[in-house]
Structure formats: C-alpha cells, structure tokens
Protein backbone atom coordinates (compact mmCIF):
# COMPACT_ATOMS: atom_id res chain seq x y z
CA UNK A 1 120.42 -12.49 252.14
CA UNK A 2 118.17 -13.75 254.80
CA UNK A 3 114.19 -13.94 254.10
CA UNK A 4 112.16 -11.77 256.05
CA UNK A 5 108.96 -13.57 255.12
CA UNK A 6 107.47 -17.11 253.73
CA UNK A 7 104.28 -17.57 252.08
CA UNK A 8 102.40 -18.12 248.43
CA UNK A 9 101.51 -16.74 245.33
CA UNK A 10 98.17 -17.96 245.02
CA UNK A 11 97.77 -18.02 240.59
CA UNK A 12 94.30 -19.24 239.75
CA UNK A 13 94.55 -22.86 241.69
CA UNK A 14 98.48 -22.72 241.29
CA UNK A 15 100.06 -22.15 244.65
CA UNK A 16 103.89 -20.88 244.23
CA UNK A 17 105.43 -21.35 247.38
CA UNK A 18 108.42 -18.40 247.70
CA UNK A 19 110.73 -16.86 250.08
CA UNK A 20 110.75 -13.12 250.47
CA UNK A 21 114.11 -11.03 250.44
CA UNK A 22 114.34 -7.32 250.37
CA UNK A 23 115.43 -6.17 247.21
CA UNK A 24 117.41 -2.91 248.40
CA UNK A 25 119.56 -1.55 251.21
CA UNK A 26 120.81 2.00 252.24
CA UNK A 27 123.89 2.73 251.49
CA UNK A 28 124.68 5.68 253.44
CA UNK A 29 127.61 5.99 256.41
CA UNK A 30 125.44 5.36 259.91
CA UNK A 31 125.95 8.55 261.95
CA UNK A 32 124.81 8.80 265.39
CA UNK A 33 124.38 11.48 267.81
CA UNK A 34 126.67 12.66 270.44
CA UNK A 35 127.14 16.37 272.64
CA UNK A 36 129.20 18.68 271.38
CA UNK A 37 130.60 19.61 274.40
CA UNK A 38 131.92 16.63 275.51
CA UNK A 39 131.32 13.93 273.00
CA UNK A 40 128.79 11.64 275.07
CA UNK A 41 126.32 9.58 273.34
CA UNK A 42 123.05 10.91 273.12
CA UNK A 43 120.04 7.70 273.09
CA UNK A 44 116.81 8.01 273.34
CA UNK A 45 114.49 6.28 276.24
CA UNK A 46 111.26 4.63 276.67
CA UNK A 47 109.63 6.70 279.57
CA UNK A 48 106.43 6.54 280.44
CA UNK A 49 104.94 9.96 281.35
CA UNK A 50 102.92 8.82 284.19
CA UNK A 51 105.59 6.38 286.55
CA UNK A 52 108.63 7.81 284.93
CA UNK A 53 110.42 4.44 284.77
CA UNK A 54 111.87 3.20 281.81
CA UNK A 55 109.82 0.33 279.83
CA UNK A 56 110.95 -2.63 278.29
CA UNK A 57 109.64 -3.16 275.01
CA UNK A 58 108.03 -6.32 275.79
CA UNK A 59 105.80 -3.93 278.11
CA UNK A 60 104.63 -2.12 275.72
CA UNK A 61 101.43 -2.34 273.73
CA UNK A 62 99.47 0.35 271.53
CA UNK A 63 96.75 2.86 271.62
CA UNK A 64 94.21 4.82 269.59
CA UNK A 65 92.67 7.86 270.53
CA UNK A 66 89.74 9.22 269.39
CA UNK A 67 87.38 12.11 271.11
CA UNK A 68 89.54 11.68 274.18
CA UNK A 69 89.12 8.28 274.68
CA UNK A 70 91.85 5.98 274.11
CA UNK A 71 91.82 2.28 273.47
CA UNK A 72 94.74 0.08 273.90
CA UNK A 73 95.55 -2.75 271.48
CA UNK A 74 97.76 -5.47 273.31
CA UNK A 75 99.79 -7.44 270.90
CA UNK A 76 97.82 -10.94 271.48
CA UNK A 77 94.53 -8.76 270.09
CA UNK A 78 96.34 -7.30 267.03
CA UNK A 79 97.67 -10.62 265.98
CA UNK A 80 94.37 -11.63 266.10
CA UNK A 81 93.26 -9.74 262.89
CA UNK A 82 93.03 -12.42 260.08
CA UNK A 83 94.76 -10.48 257.68
CA UNK A 84 97.73 -10.32 259.86
CA UNK A 85 97.72 -13.75 259.67
CA UNK A 86 97.71 -14.41 256.04
CA UNK A 87 100.83 -15.67 254.06
CA UNK A 88 99.29 -15.51 250.78
CA UNK A 89 100.17 -13.01 247.99
CA UNK A 90 96.80 -13.39 245.90
CA UNK A 91 96.80 -12.17 242.41
CA UNK A 92 94.09 -10.34 241.41
CA UNK A 93 94.36 -8.72 237.60
CA UNK A 94 97.14 -9.11 234.94
CA UNK A 95 97.37 -5.19 233.49
CA UNK A 96 99.96 -3.33 231.47
CA UNK A 97 102.45 -2.12 233.03
CA UNK A 98 102.72 1.28 231.70
CA UNK A 99 99.21 2.05 233.44
CA UNK A 100 100.84 1.48 236.79
CA UNK A 101 101.78 5.23 238.31
CA UNK A 102 105.39 5.22 239.27
CA UNK A 103 104.44 7.31 242.51
CA UNK A 104 102.94 4.45 243.91
CA UNK A 105 105.84 1.98 244.03
CA UNK A 106 106.88 1.78 247.61
CA UNK A 107 109.39 -0.90 248.25
CA UNK A 108 110.76 -3.79 246.19
CA UNK A 109 111.39 -7.63 247.13
CA UNK A 110 113.03 -10.52 245.60
CA UNK A 111 110.89 -13.89 245.54
CA UNK A 112 112.58 -17.22 245.69
CA UNK A 113 110.92 -20.26 244.77
CA UNK A 114 110.71 -22.19 248.44
CA UNK A 115 109.79 -26.03 246.93
CA UNK A 116 111.54 -29.03 245.78
CA UNK A 117 110.38 -28.26 242.14
CA UNK A 118 110.49 -24.45 240.96
CA UNK A 119 108.24 -25.40 238.01
CA UNK A 120 105.12 -23.47 239.16
CA UNK A 121 107.68 -20.36 239.88
CA UNK A 122 108.69 -20.48 236.46
CA UNK A 123 105.36 -21.26 234.65
CA UNK A 124 104.22 -18.01 236.75
CA UNK A 125 107.37 -16.12 234.94
CA UNK A 126 106.92 -17.14 231.72
CA UNK A 127 102.95 -16.18 231.68
CA UNK A 128 104.37 -12.75 232.87
CA UNK A 129 107.00 -12.83 229.85
CA UNK A 130 104.46 -14.07 227.42
CA UNK A 131 101.82 -11.62 227.86
CA UNK A 132 103.87 -8.56 228.70
CA UNK A 133 101.79 -8.00 231.50
CA UNK A 134 102.38 -7.00 235.65
CA UNK A 135 100.29 -8.87 238.40
CA UNK A 136 98.84 -6.95 240.66
CA UNK A 137 98.69 -8.93 243.91
CA UNK A 138 97.45 -8.16 247.77
CA UNK A 139 99.35 -9.61 250.64
CA UNK A 140 99.63 -8.85 254.50
CA UNK A 141 103.30 -7.86 255.74
CA UNK A 142 104.50 -6.60 258.87
CA UNK A 143 100.58 -5.45 260.33
CA UNK A 144 99.43 -3.95 256.99
CA UNK A 145 97.59 -5.07 253.97
CA UNK A 146 99.18 -4.17 250.77
CA UNK A 147 98.78 -4.06 246.94
CA UNK A 148 101.79 -5.15 245.44
CA UNK A 149 102.87 -5.24 241.42
CA UNK A 150 104.36 -8.66 240.65
CA UNK A 151 106.94 -8.23 237.66
CA UNK A 152 110.24 -9.98 236.10
CA UNK A 153 113.82 -8.55 236.77
CA UNK A 154 115.83 -11.18 234.80
CA UNK A 155 114.66 -14.82 235.93
CA UNK A 156 113.09 -13.57 239.22
CA UNK A 157 110.28 -12.50 240.11
CA UNK A 158 110.02 -9.24 241.90
CA UNK A 159 107.10 -8.24 244.35
CA UNK A 160 106.74 -4.21 244.36
CA UNK A 161 104.24 -3.04 246.90
CA UNK A 162 102.36 -0.37 246.07
CA UNK A 163 101.17 2.60 247.98
CA UNK A 164 97.01 2.59 248.39
CA UNK A 165 95.13 5.31 245.82
CA UNK A 166 94.35 7.57 248.78
CA UNK A 167 98.20 7.82 250.69
CA UNK A 168 98.86 9.77 247.16
CA UNK A 169 98.27 13.38 247.47
CA UNK A 170 97.24 15.66 244.89
CA UNK A 171 99.08 18.27 243.53
CA UNK A 172 97.36 21.56 243.11
CA UNK A 173 99.30 24.71 243.22
CA UNK A 174 97.86 27.98 242.09
CA UNK A 175 100.69 29.60 240.79
CA UNK A 176 100.20 26.71 237.46
CA UNK A 177 96.63 28.18 237.32
CA UNK A 178 97.55 31.01 235.35
CA UNK A 179 98.07 31.40 231.71
CA UNK A 180 101.92 30.87 230.97
CA UNK A 181 102.85 31.70 227.21
CA UNK A 182 105.97 30.12 226.27
CA UNK A 183 107.34 31.42 222.86
CA UNK A 184 107.84 28.89 219.90
CA UNK A 185 111.75 30.09 220.49
CA UNK A 186 111.74 29.31 224.34
CA UNK A 187 110.35 25.63 222.85
CA UNK A 188 112.64 25.14 220.13
CA UNK A 189 116.13 26.33 222.51
CA UNK A 190 114.66 23.93 224.94
CA UNK A 191 113.98 20.91 223.02
CA UNK A 192 117.67 21.36 221.66
CA UNK A 193 119.13 21.46 225.08
CA UNK A 194 117.29 18.07 226.07
CA UNK A 195 118.14 16.35 222.49
CA UNK A 196 122.31 17.55 223.35
CA UNK A 197 121.45 15.66 226.40
CA UNK A 198 119.64 12.95 225.27
CA UNK A 199 121.14 9.55 226.06
CA UNK A 200 120.17 5.89 227.44
CA UNK A 201 120.28 6.00 231.72
CA UNK A 202 122.93 3.53 233.01
CA UNK A 203 122.46 3.68 236.99
CA UNK A 204 126.64 2.66 237.22
CA UNK A 205 127.06 5.83 235.73
CA UNK A 206 126.06 7.68 238.59
CA UNK A 207 127.38 8.50 242.21
CA UNK A 208 126.29 9.32 245.65
CA UNK A 209 128.71 12.12 245.72
CA UNK A 210 127.51 13.20 249.63
CA UNK A 211 128.61 9.66 250.85
CA UNK A 212 131.82 9.86 249.22
CA UNK A 213 132.59 13.06 250.43
CA UNK A 214 131.56 12.06 253.89
CA UNK A 215 133.47 8.96 254.24
CA UNK A 216 136.60 11.07 252.76
CA UNK A 217 135.86 13.90 255.73
CA UNK A 218 136.24 11.18 258.18
CA UNK A 219 139.09 10.01 256.91
CA UNK A 220 141.12 12.89 257.06
CA UNK A 221 139.14 13.83 260.83
CA UNK A 222 140.95 10.59 261.80
CA UNK A 223 144.06 11.28 260.34
CA UNK A 224 144.27 15.27 261.67
CA UNK A 225 141.76 14.89 264.17
CA UNK A 226 140.53 18.91 265.42
CA UNK A 227 143.49 20.31 263.54
CA UNK A 228 141.21 19.74 259.95
CA UNK A 229 140.94 22.57 257.71
CA UNK A 230 138.01 21.59 255.63
CA UNK A 231 138.89 23.89 252.82
CA UNK A 232 142.13 22.03 252.24
CA UNK A 233 140.19 18.87 252.11
CA UNK A 234 137.43 19.83 249.93
CA UNK A 235 138.86 23.19 248.09
CA UNK A 236 138.32 26.55 249.21
CA UNK A 237 135.71 26.84 246.48
CA UNK A 238 133.83 23.61 246.96
CA UNK A 239 131.03 25.81 248.97
CA UNK A 240 130.90 28.56 246.52
CA UNK A 241 129.02 29.09 244.14
CA UNK A 242 125.17 29.74 242.95
CA UNK A 243 125.19 33.64 244.33
CA UNK A 244 125.54 35.09 241.08
CA UNK A 245 122.53 37.07 239.47
CA UNK A 246 119.61 35.18 237.74
CA UNK A 247 119.56 35.53 234.05
CA UNK A 248 116.80 35.53 231.87
CA UNK A 249 115.40 32.29 230.35
CA UNK A 250 116.59 32.40 226.90
CA UNK A 251 119.74 33.68 227.81
CA UNK A 252 119.74 30.74 230.11
CA UNK A 253 118.81 28.15 227.41
CA UNK A 254 121.05 29.68 224.81
CA UNK A 255 124.20 29.45 227.37
CA UNK A 256 123.38 26.15 228.48
CA UNK A 257 123.03 24.82 225.01
CA UNK A 258 126.25 26.41 223.97
CA UNK A 259 128.33 24.65 226.70
CA UNK A 260 126.88 21.35 225.99
CA UNK A 261 127.73 21.66 222.21
CA UNK A 262 131.08 23.01 223.17
CA UNK A 263 132.04 20.14 225.55
CA UNK A 264 131.57 21.63 228.76
CA UNK A 265 133.78 21.73 231.94
CA UNK A 266 135.51 19.08 230.41
CA UNK A 267 136.41 20.58 227.04
CA UNK A 268 137.62 24.06 228.60
CA UNK A 269 140.04 22.33 231.10
CA UNK A 270 141.63 20.51 228.46
CA UNK A 271 142.37 23.50 226.40
CA UNK A 272 143.41 25.26 228.79
CA UNK A 273 145.84 22.44 230.11
CA UNK A 274 147.04 22.59 226.56
CA UNK A 275 147.79 25.87 226.06
CA UNK A 276 145.00 26.40 223.63
CA UNK A 277 142.39 29.35 224.02
CA UNK A 278 138.79 28.27 223.81
CA UNK A 279 136.40 30.62 221.76
CA UNK A 280 132.74 31.41 222.75
CA UNK A 281 131.45 28.43 223.44
CA UNK A 282 129.81 28.60 226.56
CA UNK A 283 130.96 29.37 230.07
CA UNK A 284 133.21 27.55 232.49
CA UNK A 285 131.14 27.53 235.11
CA UNK A 286 128.04 28.66 236.96
CA UNK A 287 129.85 30.86 238.99
CA UNK A 288 131.16 32.68 236.18
CA UNK A 289 128.69 32.79 234.11
CA UNK A 290 126.80 34.35 236.56
CA UNK A 291 129.04 37.21 237.24
CA UNK A 292 129.49 37.69 233.79
CA UNK A 293 126.36 38.14 232.94
CA UNK A 294 125.86 41.40 235.26
CA UNK A 295 129.48 42.60 234.23
CA UNK A 296 131.53 41.84 236.99
CA UNK A 297 134.17 40.16 237.20
CA UNK A 298 134.58 36.49 237.80
CA UNK A 299 137.05 35.11 240.13
CA UNK A 300 140.34 33.79 239.46
CA UNK A 301 140.86 29.72 239.43
CA UNK A 302 143.97 28.18 240.33
CA UNK A 303 145.40 27.75 236.61
CA UNK A 304 144.26 30.94 235.21
CA UNK A 305 141.64 29.01 232.49
CA UNK A 306 142.65 30.71 229.40
CA UNK A 307 138.73 30.07 228.51
CA UNK A 308 138.29 32.73 230.81
CA UNK A 309 139.66 35.25 228.94
CA UNK A 310 136.92 34.46 225.57
CA UNK A 311 135.15 37.48 224.72
CA UNK A 312 130.97 37.28 224.16
CA UNK A 313 130.32 34.08 223.82
CA UNK A 314 128.90 33.50 220.05
CA UNK A 315 127.04 30.62 218.84
CA UNK A 316 128.65 26.95 218.07
CA UNK A 317 128.56 25.66 214.52
CA UNK A 318 129.20 22.03 216.64
CA UNK A 319 132.87 21.87 214.67
CA UNK A 320 136.22 21.05 216.57
CA UNK A 321 139.14 22.26 215.43
CA UNK A 322 142.61 20.43 216.85
CA UNK A 323 143.22 21.13 220.51
CA UNK A 324 140.89 24.16 220.63
CA UNK A 325 137.37 24.88 220.32
CA UNK A 326 135.75 26.54 217.78
CA UNK A 327 133.20 29.29 216.96
CA UNK A 328 132.44 29.68 213.62
CA UNK A 329 136.13 30.22 212.90
CA UNK A 330 139.06 27.97 213.16
CA UNK A 331 141.45 28.94 216.03
CA UNK A 332 145.10 28.75 215.60
CA UNK A 333 147.58 26.68 218.47
CA UNK A 334 149.72 30.13 217.99
CA UNK A 335 147.56 33.00 218.91
CA UNK A 336 148.78 34.29 222.02
CA UNK A 337 145.81 34.54 224.34
CA UNK A 338 144.25 37.76 225.46
CA UNK A 339 145.11 38.92 228.98
CA UNK A 340 142.50 37.75 231.13
CA UNK A 341 142.23 41.03 233.07
CA UNK A 342 141.62 42.95 229.46
CA UNK A 343 139.19 40.38 228.39
CA UNK A 344 136.93 40.64 231.61
CA UNK A 345 137.08 44.41 231.64
CA UNK A 346 135.56 44.01 227.84
CA UNK A 347 133.33 41.50 228.62
CA UNK A 348 131.55 43.86 231.64
CA UNK A 349 131.68 46.92 229.24
C-alpha cells in the first residue's frame, strides 16, 4: 500500500504522527468504451468551448457561477485556504459507537504510526479500548474539510470519513403516511421466517456473482470469439425467472418458511439426485412457485426434478427422513414417484 497523506492526530496535548492509507479497493473488472461498429476506443477530451482547443490539466482552473457571474479560482488561490494546508486530525469528542448513524459512513482509511516510537499511537488505541468509545475527529483531505470517526480494527486505528448532516437526505414517502394494518398472523409468520434465516454475518461466505460471471463471459469470448453462444455459456434459463404472478403476502410468507424449513433448493436437488421423492416442504424455485400459484404448468428442467411432482404444499413438521423430506408423514424410498404431468395437472385443478 502507498500512503496518500501524512499528518498527526491531536489527542489533547498528545501528538500522534500517522500515515494514512486507503483501507478499501474496487475489485470490479475494468471495462472501457469502444465504437460497436469498428471497435475503436472512445476517449473523452478536455476541449474549450470558446477556442475549441484541447486543454492540458496544467492549464485548467476551477470556477463558480452565481447569478450570471463567473468567479475563476486559480490553483494557488485554492491552496491558500487555511484548512487545505492543515495536516492535523483533531479529536473533538469521544462518543458511544451506537450513536453513529451508519448512513453517514463514507470511506475508510488505515492509520500507521509515523514515528520512531509508536507509544502515543498505542496509548490512543488503548484509550479507545478501555472506554469502549469512538473518537470524533475533524480533518482536511483532498480539498474538503471532513468529519470522521476514529475506531479500532484489531491492532490498527481506522479513520472513517463521515458525511456532514446536510449531505444525508431526509426520506419522506407518501405511501408510508397511510395507516397499514399488519395482522398478528402476518407478524408471527414473518418473525418465524426471520428466525429460520438467522445467522452470524460472515462476509467471506458471499460472492460478487456479477464479477464472476463477467469474467466467465470474457474468457468464453476470448476462446470462441463472435461465435459465442451466451445460452451455452450461462445456461438457457439463466436470464429467465421472476415472470410469475404476484401471490398474496401470507402465501409468500408461508411458502418462504416452508422452503427454509425444508432445506430449499439444495435439499430438493439432493432428493432428486438420489431417486427419492420430495414431499410438500416448499417449491423448487421462484419460477415454479409463481407458475403453480396461477395453476399454470412449470417449465421442465434438465434432470426432471421429482420435487416438481409433489401435490399442494403441506406445512413441514421440521423432521426429515433418510434420503427424503417429510411433511408430517415419513416417505419411503421404494414408493414410486408420480408422473410429473399428472402431478402438475392436479396442482392446476
């Protein structure tokens, strides 16, 4: 990492020299624009609208317009602003972390001690640990005076820039002004769904699917060129789904809860792969759920999941039998699966 700024934390009369590093980075694949007819690169030019010349950065100043008047500010004039020349991170308050509104968080920076002895740095870190508080600071960075929160991450001090209060918009939506009645059953069902999905947050368990699939598309295009078939690359059904009818709230909650209790898609796939028959714990996927709710036939999938042959969903008892799902009664592996067409016809009836 390369330090983007050097300064010092002013902690009362204690001075803590630090180097500042960006704590985050963008992992997105970089794409540029080209002309679709010939592949030529599209570039943007800094062209003056008066003389039509292309202007270098060194010849560009900034300006402000007010009531038809333009005020041009040179680089030297902007640098003369006192706050721009400050390299001090001033601690102004120590507050409980729960009082910080997450919407105000902007960008995070790591602070590294920048002196022969890191004792003052460690002292400030220990003070935050011992008091279980966050330091509110003010500092100037990149032509802007900023508000920030100084907190601990492991053994390192982290500076998080905060938006100013007037930079956070107020939310006012007319639809929420009306009185909306939520039944006790709806609240109970939604609470049960939340409980069924409760877990500790593990960021490493999540993947940026778009970037993974974009990389897959690029590699396929490099290999096959213009003969690329995206259906073959991603699967014909990858872009489908979400076209079913909207079902009512209680039905959606019920089906969601049944699916979570029944193990969802993974359990349905495992049952189909082992030759077992899944019974009424929920639907295989959103497309099938929507189609079944309107009485329409769900499209057959590769491998013809036997889960699609089940009858109307019954509430799960939360128990599982070996190799199959249970909805109150145990299913036997020897029991033959019903014909999909018959089951779907029965569902649609």
